[in-house]
C-alpha atoms as a PDB file:
ATOM      1  CA  MET A   1      10.928 -49.468  40.524  1.00  0.00           C
ATOM      2  CA  LYS A   2      10.081 -51.195  37.263  1.00  0.00           C
ATOM      3  CA  GLN A   3       7.037 -48.860  36.945  1.00  0.00           C
ATOM      4  CA  THR A   4       9.264 -45.767  37.828  1.00  0.00           C
ATOM      5  CA  SER A   5      11.555 -46.755  34.978  1.00  0.00           C
ATOM      6  CA  VAL A   6       8.683 -47.280  32.443  1.00  0.00           C
ATOM      7  CA  PHE A   7       7.347 -43.902  33.439  1.00  0.00           C
ATOM      8  CA  LEU A   8      10.804 -42.325  33.089  1.00  0.00           C
ATOM      9  CA  PHE A   9      11.281 -43.767  29.645  1.00  0.00           C
ATOM     10  CA  LEU A  10       7.575 -42.871  28.339  1.00  0.00           C
ATOM     11  CA  ALA A  11       8.339 -39.344  29.404  1.00  0.00           C
ATOM     12  CA  LEU A  12      11.736 -39.349  27.815  1.00  0.00           C
ATOM     13  CA  LEU A  13       9.997 -40.512  24.525  1.00  0.00           C
ATOM     14  CA  PHE A  14       7.389 -37.816  24.759  1.00  0.00           C
ATOM     15  CA  SER A  15       9.915 -35.251  25.533  1.00  0.00           C
ATOM     16  CA  LEU A  16      11.863 -36.346  22.287  1.00  0.00           C
ATOM     17  CA  ALA A  17       8.738 -36.546  20.145  1.00  0.00           C
ATOM     18  CA  VAL A  18       7.823 -33.035  21.136  1.00  0.00           C
ATOM     19  CA  THR A  19      11.222 -31.891  20.422  1.00  0.00           C
ATOM     20  CA  ILE A  20      11.027 -33.415  16.841  1.00  0.00           C
ATOM     21  CA  TYR A  21       7.883 -31.923  15.973  1.00  0.00           C
ATOM     22  CA  LEU A  22       8.806 -28.544  17.262  1.00  0.00           C
ATOM     23  CA  TRP A  23      12.042 -28.563  15.271  1.00  0.00           C
ATOM     24  CA  PHE A  24      10.753 -30.073  12.032  1.00  0.00           C
ATOM     25  CA  PHE A  25       6.877 -29.796  11.903  1.00  0.00           C
ATOM     26  CA  TYR A  26       5.903 -26.482  14.030  1.00  0.00           C
ATOM     27  CA  PRO A  27       5.383 -23.502  11.957  1.00  0.00           C
ATOM     28  CA  GLN A  28       8.318 -21.093  12.160  1.00  0.00           C
ATOM     29  CA  LYS A  29       7.851 -17.727  13.041  1.00  0.00           C
ATOM     30  CA  THR A  30       8.710 -15.353  10.170  1.00  0.00           C
ATOM     31  CA  ILE A  31      10.249 -11.912  11.048  1.00  0.00           C
ATOM     32  CA  GLU A  32       9.422  -9.336   8.561  1.00  0.00           C
ATOM     33  CA  LYS A  33      11.678  -6.172   7.785  1.00  0.00           C
ATOM     34  CA  TYR A  34      10.104  -3.084   6.994  1.00  0.00           C
ATOM     35  CA  GLN A  35      11.745  -0.108   5.571  1.00  0.00           C
ATOM     36  CA  VAL A  36      10.662   3.022   7.765  1.00  0.00           C
ATOM     37  CA  GLU A  37      10.968   6.301   6.700  1.00  0.00           C
ATOM     38  CA  LEU A  38      11.574   9.389   9.181  1.00  0.00           C
ATOM     39  CA  TYR A  39      10.727  12.811   8.451  1.00  0.00           C
ATOM     40  CA  ASP A  40      11.711  16.051   9.608  1.00  0.00           C
ATOM     41  CA  LEU A  41       9.677  17.211  12.804  1.00  0.00           C
ATOM     42  CA  ASP A  42      11.395  20.713  12.947  1.00  0.00           C
ATOM     43  CA  ASN A  43       8.974  22.120  10.483  1.00  0.00           C
ATOM     44  CA  VAL A  44       5.432  20.715  11.097  1.00  0.00           C
ATOM     45  CA  PRO A  45       2.141  22.228  10.013  1.00  0.00           C
ATOM     46  CA  VAL A  46      -0.372  22.442  12.690  1.00  0.00           C
ATOM     47  CA  LEU A  47      -3.839  24.024  12.809  1.00  0.00           C
ATOM     48  CA  LYS A  48      -3.761  27.808  14.238  1.00  0.00           C
ATOM     49  CA  SER A  49      -7.216  26.570  16.089  1.00  0.00           C
ATOM     50  CA  HIS A  50      -9.239  23.642  16.676  1.00  0.00           C
ATOM     51  CA  GLU A  51     -12.128  25.800  15.934  1.00  0.00           C
ATOM     52  CA  PHE A  52     -12.244  26.097  12.178  1.00  0.00           C
ATOM     53  CA  PHE A  53     -14.930  25.739   9.489  1.00  0.00           C
ATOM     54  CA  LEU A  54     -14.895  24.248   6.007  1.00  0.00           C
ATOM     55  CA  ASP A  55     -18.037  25.797   4.762  1.00  0.00           C
ATOM     56  CA  ASP A  56     -16.695  28.494   3.209  1.00  0.00           C
ATOM     57  CA  LEU A  57     -14.308  26.123   1.285  1.00  0.00           C
ATOM     58  CA  ALA A  58     -16.661  25.148  -1.389  1.00  0.00           C
ATOM     59  CA  LEU A  59     -14.621  23.509  -3.998  1.00  0.00           C
ATOM     60  CA  SER A  60     -15.949  22.292  -7.048  1.00  0.00           C
ATOM     61  CA  ALA A  61     -13.389  19.350  -7.478  1.00  0.00           C
ATOM     62  CA  THR A  62     -14.655  15.933  -7.028  1.00  0.00           C
ATOM     63  CA  ALA A  63     -11.667  14.703  -5.469  1.00  0.00           C
ATOM     64  CA  VAL A  64      -8.874  16.951  -3.542  1.00  0.00           C
ATOM     65  CA  TYR A  65      -5.496  16.048  -1.813  1.00  0.00           C
ATOM     66  CA  ALA A  66      -3.220  18.604  -0.339  1.00  0.00           C
ATOM     67  CA  ILE A  67      -0.108  17.675   1.362  1.00  0.00           C
ATOM     68  CA  ASP A  68       3.202  19.104   3.100  1.00  0.00           C
ATOM     69  CA  LEU A  69       5.905  17.510   1.253  1.00  0.00           C
ATOM     70  CA  SER A  70       8.712  18.012   4.343  1.00  0.00           C
ATOM     71  CA  SER A  71       6.596  16.588   6.954  1.00  0.00           C
ATOM     72  CA  MET A  72       4.046  14.332   4.694  1.00  0.00           C
ATOM     73  CA  THR A  73       1.320  15.824   6.752  1.00  0.00           C
ATOM     74  CA  VAL A  74      -2.005  15.818   5.048  1.00  0.00           C
ATOM     75  CA  LEU A  75      -3.500  19.536   5.028  1.00  0.00           C
ATOM     76  CA  TYR A  76      -6.600  18.728   3.239  1.00  0.00           C
ATOM     77  CA  GLU A  77      -8.508  15.844   1.535  1.00  0.00           C
ATOM     78  CA  LYS A  78     -11.875  15.281  -0.059  1.00  0.00           C
ATOM     79  CA  ASN A  79     -12.606  11.798  -1.820  1.00  0.00           C
ATOM     80  CA  SER A  80      -8.763  11.341  -2.343  1.00  0.00           C
ATOM     81  CA  GLN A  81      -8.898   7.639  -2.923  1.00  0.00           C
ATOM     82  CA  GLN A  82     -11.716   7.867  -5.437  1.00  0.00           C
ATOM     83  CA  SER A  83     -10.631   6.338  -8.984  1.00  0.00           C
ATOM     84  CA  LEU A  84     -10.981   8.840 -11.604  1.00  0.00           C
ATOM     85  CA  TYR A  85      -9.524   9.723 -15.012  1.00  0.00           C
ATOM     86  CA  PRO A  86      -6.246  11.571 -14.506  1.00  0.00           C
ATOM     87  CA  ALA A  87      -6.124  13.066 -18.197  1.00  0.00           C
ATOM     88  CA  SER A  88      -2.673  14.557 -19.154  1.00  0.00           C
ATOM     89  CA  THR A  89      -1.542  14.443 -15.582  1.00  0.00           C
ATOM     90  CA  SER A  90      -0.899  10.470 -16.753  1.00  0.00           C
ATOM     91  CA  LYS A  91       2.142  12.251 -18.356  1.00  0.00           C
ATOM     92  CA  MET A  92       4.070  12.689 -15.104  1.00  0.00           C
ATOM     93  CA  MET A  93       4.360   9.085 -15.066  1.00  0.00           C
ATOM     94  CA  THR A  94       5.272   8.802 -18.721  1.00  0.00           C
ATOM     95  CA  ALA A  95       8.198  11.120 -18.079  1.00  0.00           C
ATOM     96  CA  LEU A  96       9.481   9.171 -15.221  1.00  0.00           C
ATOM     97  CA  VAL A  97       9.611   5.920 -17.332  1.00  0.00           C
ATOM     98  CA  ALA A  98      11.108   7.706 -20.171  1.00  0.00           C
ATOM     99  CA  LEU A  99      13.619   9.167 -17.959  1.00  0.00           C
ATOM    100  CA  ASP A 100      14.545   5.667 -16.685  1.00  0.00           C
ATOM    101  CA  THR A 101      14.555   4.254 -20.361  1.00  0.00           C
ATOM    102  CA  PHE A 102      16.388   6.600 -22.441  1.00  0.00           C
ATOM    103  CA  PRO A 103      19.410   9.125 -21.950  1.00  0.00           C
ATOM    104  CA  LEU A 104      18.379  12.640 -22.076  1.00  0.00           C
ATOM    105  CA  GLU A 105      20.632  13.475 -25.386  1.00  0.00           C
ATOM    106  CA  LYS A 106      19.290  10.305 -27.096  1.00  0.00           C
ATOM    107  CA  GLU A 107      17.576  11.285 -30.563  1.00  0.00           C
ATOM    108  CA  LEU A 108      14.339   9.232 -30.944  1.00  0.00           C
ATOM    109  CA  LEU A 109      12.629   8.738 -34.499  1.00  0.00           C
ATOM    110  CA  VAL A 110       8.989   9.831 -35.083  1.00  0.00           C
ATOM    111  CA  SER A 111       7.021   7.197 -36.395  1.00  0.00           C
ATOM    112  CA  LYS A 112       3.375   7.379 -38.168  1.00  0.00           C
ATOM    113  CA  GLU A 113       1.867   6.241 -34.839  1.00  0.00           C
ATOM    114  CA  ALA A 114       2.861   9.568 -33.355  1.00  0.00           C
ATOM    115  CA  THR A 115       0.009  11.147 -35.248  1.00  0.00           C
ATOM    116  CA  VAL A 116      -2.498  11.900 -32.593  1.00  0.00           C
ATOM    117  CA  SER A 117      -5.265  14.150 -31.376  1.00  0.00           C
ATOM    118  CA  GLY A 118      -5.059  16.960 -28.705  1.00  0.00           C
ATOM    119  CA  ASN A 119      -2.236  19.138 -28.165  1.00  0.00           C
ATOM    120  CA  LYS A 120       0.737  18.299 -30.230  1.00  0.00           C
ATOM    121  CA  LEU A 121       3.901  19.576 -31.867  1.00  0.00           C
ATOM    122  CA  LEU A 122       2.985  18.261 -35.292  1.00  0.00           C
ATOM    123  CA  LEU A 123       5.964  16.173 -35.569  1.00  0.00           C
ATOM    124  CA  LYS A 124       6.521  14.661 -39.001  1.00  0.00           C
ATOM    125  CA  GLU A 125       7.126  10.935 -39.726  1.00  0.00           C
ATOM    126  CA  GLY A 126      10.920  10.192 -39.965  1.00  0.00           C
ATOM    127  CA  GLN A 127      11.771  13.510 -37.876  1.00  0.00           C
ATOM    128  CA  SER A 128      14.449  12.931 -34.989  1.00  0.00           C
ATOM    129  CA  ILE A 129      14.109  14.685 -31.788  1.00  0.00           C
ATOM    130  CA  LYS A 130      16.008  14.513 -28.436  1.00  0.00           C
ATOM    131  CA  VAL A 131      14.578  13.037 -25.320  1.00  0.00           C
ATOM    132  CA  LYS A 132      15.178  16.222 -23.387  1.00  0.00           C
ATOM    133  CA  ASP A 133      13.025  18.191 -25.840  1.00  0.00           C
ATOM    134  CA  LEU A 134      10.296  15.452 -25.988  1.00  0.00           C
ATOM    135  CA  LEU A 135      10.182  15.669 -22.246  1.00  0.00           C
ATOM    136  CA  ALA A 136      10.003  19.681 -22.414  1.00  0.00           C
ATOM    137  CA  ALA A 137       7.184  19.410 -24.736  1.00  0.00           C
ATOM    138  CA  LEU A 138       5.417  16.522 -22.661  1.00  0.00           C
ATOM    139  CA  LEU A 139       5.524  18.412 -19.445  1.00  0.00           C
ATOM    140  CA  ILE A 140       5.230  22.135 -20.535  1.00  0.00           C
ATOM    141  CA  PHE A 141       3.038  21.995 -23.542  1.00  0.00           C
ATOM    142  CA  SER A 142       1.531  18.701 -22.865  1.00  0.00           C
ATOM    143  CA  ALA A 143       1.963  17.312 -26.341  1.00  0.00           C
ATOM    144  CA  ASN A 144       0.366  14.129 -26.971  1.00  0.00           C
ATOM    145  CA  ASP A 145       2.658  13.107 -29.809  1.00  0.00           C
ATOM    146  CA  SER A 146       5.717  13.523 -27.464  1.00  0.00           C
ATOM    147  CA  ALA A 147       4.212  11.092 -25.254  1.00  0.00           C
ATOM    148  CA  TYR A 148       3.837   8.458 -28.172  1.00  0.00           C
ATOM    149  CA  VAL A 149       7.164   9.165 -29.545  1.00  0.00           C
ATOM    150  CA  LEU A 150       8.902   8.209 -26.356  1.00  0.00           C
ATOM    151  CA  ALA A 151       6.446   5.170 -25.889  1.00  0.00           C
ATOM    152  CA  ASN A 152       6.923   3.915 -29.449  1.00  0.00           C
ATOM    153  CA  ASN A 153      10.704   4.075 -29.085  1.00  0.00           C
ATOM    154  CA  ASP A 154      10.986   1.599 -26.218  1.00  0.00           C
ATOM    155  CA  GLU A 155      13.053  -1.313 -27.048  1.00  0.00           C
ATOM    156  CA  PHE A 156       9.871  -3.709 -26.968  1.00  0.00           C
ATOM    157  CA  GLY A 157       7.378  -1.241 -28.174  1.00  0.00           C
ATOM    158  CA  LEU A 158       4.412   0.827 -26.790  1.00  0.00           C
ATOM    159  CA  ASP A 159       2.933  -2.033 -25.035  1.00  0.00           C
ATOM    160  CA  ASN A 160       6.057  -2.624 -22.983  1.00  0.00           C
ATOM    161  CA  PHE A 161       6.561   1.122 -22.184  1.00  0.00           C
ATOM    162  CA  ILE A 162       2.943   1.260 -20.670  1.00  0.00           C
ATOM    163  CA  ASN A 163       3.626  -2.141 -18.608  1.00  0.00           C
ATOM    164  CA  LYS A 164       6.638   0.040 -17.208  1.00  0.00           C
ATOM    165  CA  MET A 165       4.370   2.743 -16.456  1.00  0.00           C
ATOM    166  CA  ASN A 166       2.037   0.168 -14.425  1.00  0.00           C
ATOM    167  CA  GLN A 167       5.055  -1.474 -12.919  1.00  0.00           C
ATOM    168  CA  LYS A 168       6.526   1.610 -11.588  1.00  0.00           C
ATOM    169  CA  SER A 169       2.778   2.453 -10.106  1.00  0.00           C
ATOM    170  CA  SER A 170       2.935  -0.833  -8.311  1.00  0.00           C
ATOM    171  CA  ALA A 171       6.779  -0.035  -7.032  1.00  0.00           C
ATOM    172  CA  LEU A 172       5.266   3.233  -5.458  1.00  0.00           C
ATOM    173  CA  GLY A 173       2.361   1.359  -3.867  1.00  0.00           C
ATOM    174  CA  LEU A 174      -0.330   2.734  -6.098  1.00  0.00           C
ATOM    175  CA  THR A 175      -2.919   0.223  -5.928  1.00  0.00           C
ATOM    176  CA  GLN A 176      -5.693   2.425  -7.570  1.00  0.00           C
ATOM    177  CA  THR A 177      -3.427   3.646 -10.689  1.00  0.00           C
ATOM    178  CA  HIS A 178      -3.317   2.173 -13.969  1.00  0.00           C
ATOM    179  CA  PHE A 179      -2.528   3.168 -17.300  1.00  0.00           C
ATOM    180  CA  VAL A 180      -3.405   1.944 -20.958  1.00  0.00           C
ATOM    181  CA  ASN A 181      -2.059   4.914 -22.749  1.00  0.00           C
ATOM    182  CA  PRO A 182       1.045   7.292 -22.386  1.00  0.00           C
ATOM    183  CA  ALA A 183      -0.841  10.622 -23.259  1.00  0.00           C
ATOM    184  CA  GLY A 184      -3.930  10.402 -20.728  1.00  0.00           C
ATOM    185  CA  PHE A 185      -6.760   9.779 -23.230  1.00  0.00           C
ATOM    186  CA  ASP A 186      -9.868   8.751 -21.474  1.00  0.00           C
ATOM    187  CA  GLU A 187      -9.966   4.936 -21.982  1.00  0.00           C
ATOM    188  CA  ASN A 188     -11.230   2.053 -19.669  1.00  0.00           C
ATOM    189  CA  GLY A 189      -8.325   1.085 -17.468  1.00  0.00           C
ATOM    190  CA  GLN A 190      -6.674   4.870 -17.512  1.00  0.00           C
ATOM    191  CA  THR A 191      -7.471   5.635 -13.820  1.00  0.00           C
ATOM    192  CA  SER A 192      -5.916   7.239 -10.956  1.00  0.00           C
ATOM    193  CA  THR A 193      -6.735   8.958  -7.540  1.00  0.00           C
ATOM    194  CA  ALA A 194      -5.818  12.525  -6.176  1.00  0.00           C
ATOM    195  CA  ARG A 195      -3.742  10.806  -3.432  1.00  0.00           C
ATOM    196  CA  ASP A 196      -1.687   8.541  -6.070  1.00  0.00           C
ATOM    197  CA  LEU A 197      -1.176  11.497  -8.399  1.00  0.00           C
ATOM    198  CA  SER A 198       0.349  13.418  -5.450  1.00  0.00           C
ATOM    199  CA  ILE A 199       2.863  10.465  -5.041  1.00  0.00           C
ATOM    200  CA  ILE A 200       3.638  10.436  -8.625  1.00  0.00           C
ATOM    201  CA  ALA A 201       4.173  14.245  -8.623  1.00  0.00           C
ATOM    202  CA  GLY A 202       6.565  13.896  -5.651  1.00  0.00           C
ATOM    203  CA  GLU A 203       8.336  11.426  -7.428  1.00  0.00           C
ATOM    204  CA  LEU A 204       8.983  13.612 -10.409  1.00  0.00           C
ATOM    205  CA  LEU A 205       9.898  16.443  -8.332  1.00  0.00           C
ATOM    206  CA  LYS A 206      12.943  14.457  -6.853  1.00  0.00           C
ATOM    207  CA  HIS A 207      14.505  14.802 -10.411  1.00  0.00           C
ATOM    208  CA  LYS A 208      16.216  18.240 -10.949  1.00  0.00           C
ATOM    209  CA  GLN A 209      15.762  18.067 -14.662  1.00  0.00           C
ATOM    210  CA  LEU A 210      11.966  17.308 -14.458  1.00  0.00           C
ATOM    211  CA  LYS A 211      11.203  19.811 -11.780  1.00  0.00           C
ATOM    212  CA  GLU A 212      12.646  22.623 -13.567  1.00  0.00           C
ATOM    213  CA  LEU A 213      10.738  21.756 -16.670  1.00  0.00           C
ATOM    214  CA  VAL A 214       7.235  21.844 -14.830  1.00  0.00           C
ATOM    215  CA  ALA A 215       8.102  25.305 -13.464  1.00  0.00           C
ATOM    216  CA  MET A 216       8.828  26.994 -16.831  1.00  0.00           C
ATOM    217  CA  GLN A 217       6.241  29.160 -18.347  1.00  0.00           C
ATOM    218  CA  HIS A 218       7.942  29.286 -21.610  1.00  0.00           C
ATOM    219  CA  LYS A 219      10.821  27.218 -23.349  1.00  0.00           C
ATOM    220  CA  GLN A 220      11.903  27.096 -26.893  1.00  0.00           C
ATOM    221  CA  ILE A 221      13.241  23.918 -28.264  1.00  0.00           C
ATOM    222  CA  SER A 222      15.192  23.523 -31.695  1.00  0.00           C
ATOM    223  CA  GLY A 223      16.922  21.257 -33.943  1.00  0.00           C
ATOM    224  CA  GLU A 224      18.077  21.052 -37.644  1.00  0.00           C
ATOM    225  CA  ASN A 225      15.648  22.781 -39.523  1.00  0.00           C
ATOM    226  CA  TRP A 226      12.708  22.964 -36.864  1.00  0.00           C
ATOM    227  CA  SER A 227      12.121  24.810 -33.537  1.00  0.00           C
ATOM    228  CA  TYR A 228       9.128  25.065 -31.203  1.00  0.00           C
ATOM    229  CA  ASP A 229       8.054  27.525 -28.612  1.00  0.00           C
ATOM    230  CA  LEU A 230       6.417  25.729 -25.677  1.00  0.00           C
ATOM    231  CA  TYR A 231       3.929  27.542 -23.542  1.00  0.00           C
ATOM    232  CA  ASN A 232       2.714  26.230 -20.324  1.00  0.00           C
ATOM    233  CA  SER A 233      -0.901  25.703 -19.950  1.00  0.00           C
ATOM    234  CA  ASN A 234      -0.791  26.116 -16.123  1.00  0.00           C
ATOM    235  CA  GLN A 235      -2.566  29.634 -15.589  1.00  0.00           C
ATOM    236  CA  LEU A 236      -1.376  29.812 -11.866  1.00  0.00           C
ATOM    237  CA  LEU A 237       2.369  30.021 -13.012  1.00  0.00           C
ATOM    238  CA  GLY A 238       3.541  33.509 -12.533  1.00  0.00           C
ATOM    239  CA  GLN A 239       0.073  34.640 -11.180  1.00  0.00           C
ATOM    240  CA  ILE A 240       0.588  32.917  -7.604  1.00  0.00           C
ATOM    241  CA  GLN A 241       3.825  33.542  -5.416  1.00  0.00           C
ATOM    242  CA  GLY A 242       5.478  30.411  -5.302  1.00  0.00           C
ATOM    243  CA  VAL A 243       3.619  28.127  -7.671  1.00  0.00           C
ATOM    244  CA  SER A 244       6.155  26.082  -9.517  1.00  0.00           C
ATOM    245  CA  GLY A 245       4.253  23.387 -11.318  1.00  0.00           C
ATOM    246  CA  VAL A 246       3.384  20.597 -11.659  1.00  0.00           C
ATOM    247  CA  LYS A 247       0.963  19.305 -14.285  1.00  0.00           C
ATOM    248  CA  THR A 248      -2.484  20.069 -16.095  1.00  0.00           C
ATOM    249  CA  GLY A 249      -4.950  17.773 -17.400  1.00  0.00           C
ATOM    250  CA  THR A 250      -8.356  18.043 -19.204  1.00  0.00           C
ATOM    251  CA  THR A 251     -10.659  15.743 -20.816  1.00  0.00           C
ATOM    252  CA  GLU A 252     -14.218  15.278 -21.374  1.00  0.00           C
ATOM    253  CA  LEU A 253     -14.463  12.397 -18.651  1.00  0.00           C
ATOM    254  CA  ALA A 254     -11.874  13.745 -16.427  1.00  0.00           C
ATOM    255  CA  GLY A 255     -13.029  17.236 -16.302  1.00  0.00           C
ATOM    256  CA  GLU A 256     -10.375  19.661 -15.103  1.00  0.00           C
ATOM    257  CA  VAL A 257      -7.386  18.050 -13.418  1.00  0.00           C
ATOM    258  CA  LEU A 258      -4.526  19.805 -11.558  1.00  0.00           C
ATOM    259  CA  VAL A 259      -1.399  19.015  -9.833  1.00  0.00           C
ATOM    260  CA  THR A 260       0.105  22.258  -8.106  1.00  0.00           C
ATOM    261  CA  LEU A 261       3.348  22.667  -6.249  1.00  0.00           C
ATOM    262  CA  ILE A 262       3.671  25.800  -4.219  1.00  0.00           C
ATOM    263  CA  GLU A 263       6.807  26.783  -2.373  1.00  0.00           C
ATOM    264  CA  ARG A 264       6.513  29.785   0.239  1.00  0.00           C
ATOM    265  CA  ASP A 265       8.442  30.550   3.220  1.00  0.00           C
ATOM    266  CA  GLY A 266      10.580  27.235   3.031  1.00  0.00           C
ATOM    267  CA  HIS A 267       7.535  25.457   2.728  1.00  0.00           C
ATOM    268  CA  GLN A 268       6.322  22.939   0.045  1.00  0.00           C
ATOM    269  CA  ILE A 269       2.879  22.147  -0.434  1.00  0.00           C
ATOM    270  CA  LEU A 270       1.443  19.864  -3.442  1.00  0.00           C
ATOM    271  CA  ILE A 271      -2.253  20.168  -4.116  1.00  0.00           C
ATOM    272  CA  THR A 272      -4.209  17.780  -6.528  1.00  0.00           C
ATOM    273  CA  LEU A 273      -7.625  18.187  -7.985  1.00  0.00           C
ATOM    274  CA  MET A 274      -9.667  16.030 -10.098  1.00  0.00           C
ATOM    275  CA  ASN A 275     -12.794  16.375 -12.059  1.00  0.00           C
ATOM    276  CA  SER A 276     -12.830  20.079 -11.101  1.00  0.00           C
ATOM    277  CA  LEU A 277     -15.153  22.699 -12.731  1.00  0.00           C
ATOM    278  CA  ASP A 278     -12.655  25.403 -12.287  1.00  0.00           C
ATOM    279  CA  ARG A 279      -9.246  24.128 -11.222  1.00  0.00           C
ATOM    280  CA  TYR A 280      -7.571  27.417 -11.057  1.00  0.00           C
ATOM    281  CA  GLN A 281     -10.339  28.852  -8.782  1.00  0.00           C
ATOM    282  CA  ASP A 282     -10.172  25.593  -6.500  1.00  0.00           C
ATOM    283  CA  THR A 283      -6.459  25.641  -6.102  1.00  0.00           C
ATOM    284  CA  SER A 284      -6.399  29.446  -5.387  1.00  0.00           C
ATOM    285  CA  ALA A 285      -9.027  29.060  -2.698  1.00  0.00           C
ATOM    286  CA  LEU A 286      -7.299  26.091  -1.336  1.00  0.00           C
ATOM    287  CA  ILE A 287      -3.931  27.654  -1.210  1.00  0.00           C
ATOM    288  CA  ALA A 288      -5.341  30.694   0.602  1.00  0.00           C
ATOM    289  CA  TRP A 289      -7.418  28.441   3.138  1.00  0.00           C
ATOM    290  CA  ILE A 290      -3.983  26.329   3.846  1.00  0.00           C
ATOM    291  CA  LEU A 291      -1.911  29.367   4.520  1.00  0.00           C
ATOM    292  CA  ASN A 292      -4.578  31.001   6.640  1.00  0.00           C
ATOM    293  CA  ASN A 293      -5.438  27.940   8.796  1.00  0.00           C
ATOM    294  CA  TYR A 294      -2.002  26.244   9.237  1.00  0.00           C
ATOM    295  CA  GLU A 295       1.230  27.492  10.944  1.00  0.00           C
ATOM    296  CA  TRP A 296       4.444  25.598  10.771  1.00  0.00           C
ATOM    297  CA  LYS A 297       5.968  24.542  14.230  1.00  0.00           C
ATOM    298  CA  LYS A 298       8.689  22.544  15.671  1.00  0.00           C
ATOM    299  CA  LEU A 299       7.392  19.397  17.535  1.00  0.00           C
END
C-alpha cells in the first residue's frame, strides 16, 4: 500500500513537472498569417499547342520577362532575375516616390544640382515648376534634370529620396533592385532585373495619372514665361496597335532597355527587355510570338 502511494505521488509529481515545462518552457508554435492575392481565372492565357518552338524567337536582349497582368501568368522569360543596369527605367520608381512625397500641384524650386547630363529640359536655377509637369517630363521625355529636381526637393534631401526608392523596392519584395541615383545613370549599386522592373511598372500603372503620361506621344507643359514640348522616346507608341507605354532606357552599360504595355482584345501584357541590341525589334517579335502562341480561356 505504501509503495503504491509513493508510486502515485511520483507519477503526480512527474505529471506536474511536465505540465510546468510545457506551459512555461516548451517553444510555442507561431501561426503566421499571409495575405493571399487571388486572380481572375475567367480569362487566362494558355498555349494553343504543346508543340511549339522558340528557335525562331532570336531575341538579342540579355534578359526578358513577359506577363499577363490580369492573371499574372508568365508568358515568356529569359534570365529574368539576372541583375543588370536599368538605365532610365529607374525613373518609374522615381515617379512613384515623387507621387508619395509631393502634391501634384506643388511648385518645386530648381537648384544648381539639377544641372545634369543626358536628356534634360535645361531648367534654370531658381525656376519653379509643378510636380505634375516634372512627372510628365520624367516619364515622357525621360528628363534627367526633372528626376533631380524631384529628389533634391525632398524634405531631407537627395539621399533621403533615394532611401525612399529603396524602401519602396523592399516593400514590393524586390530583393535584386537597388538605386543610388534617381535618373538611372550607370553607377555601382544601380541595379534591377527584368522581373523587378515589371513589378515596378505594374505598380506605376495602378496610378491613373502616371498611366496616362506613359501612353502619351506628345505633351506640352508651360508656366510663367516658359513652355516645353515633350516627345516620347518610345518608338512603338502609335506604331503597334495597343501599345500604351511604359518606359525606355539607354546607357552604355545598360544597353537598350524597354518596358512595354500592350492592351489588346481586353488583355494587358507587360513586356520588359534589358540589355537589348534592338529593343523595338525584340519587343515587336515577342508581341507577335505571344499573340500567335497563346489564347485566353476560362479555367
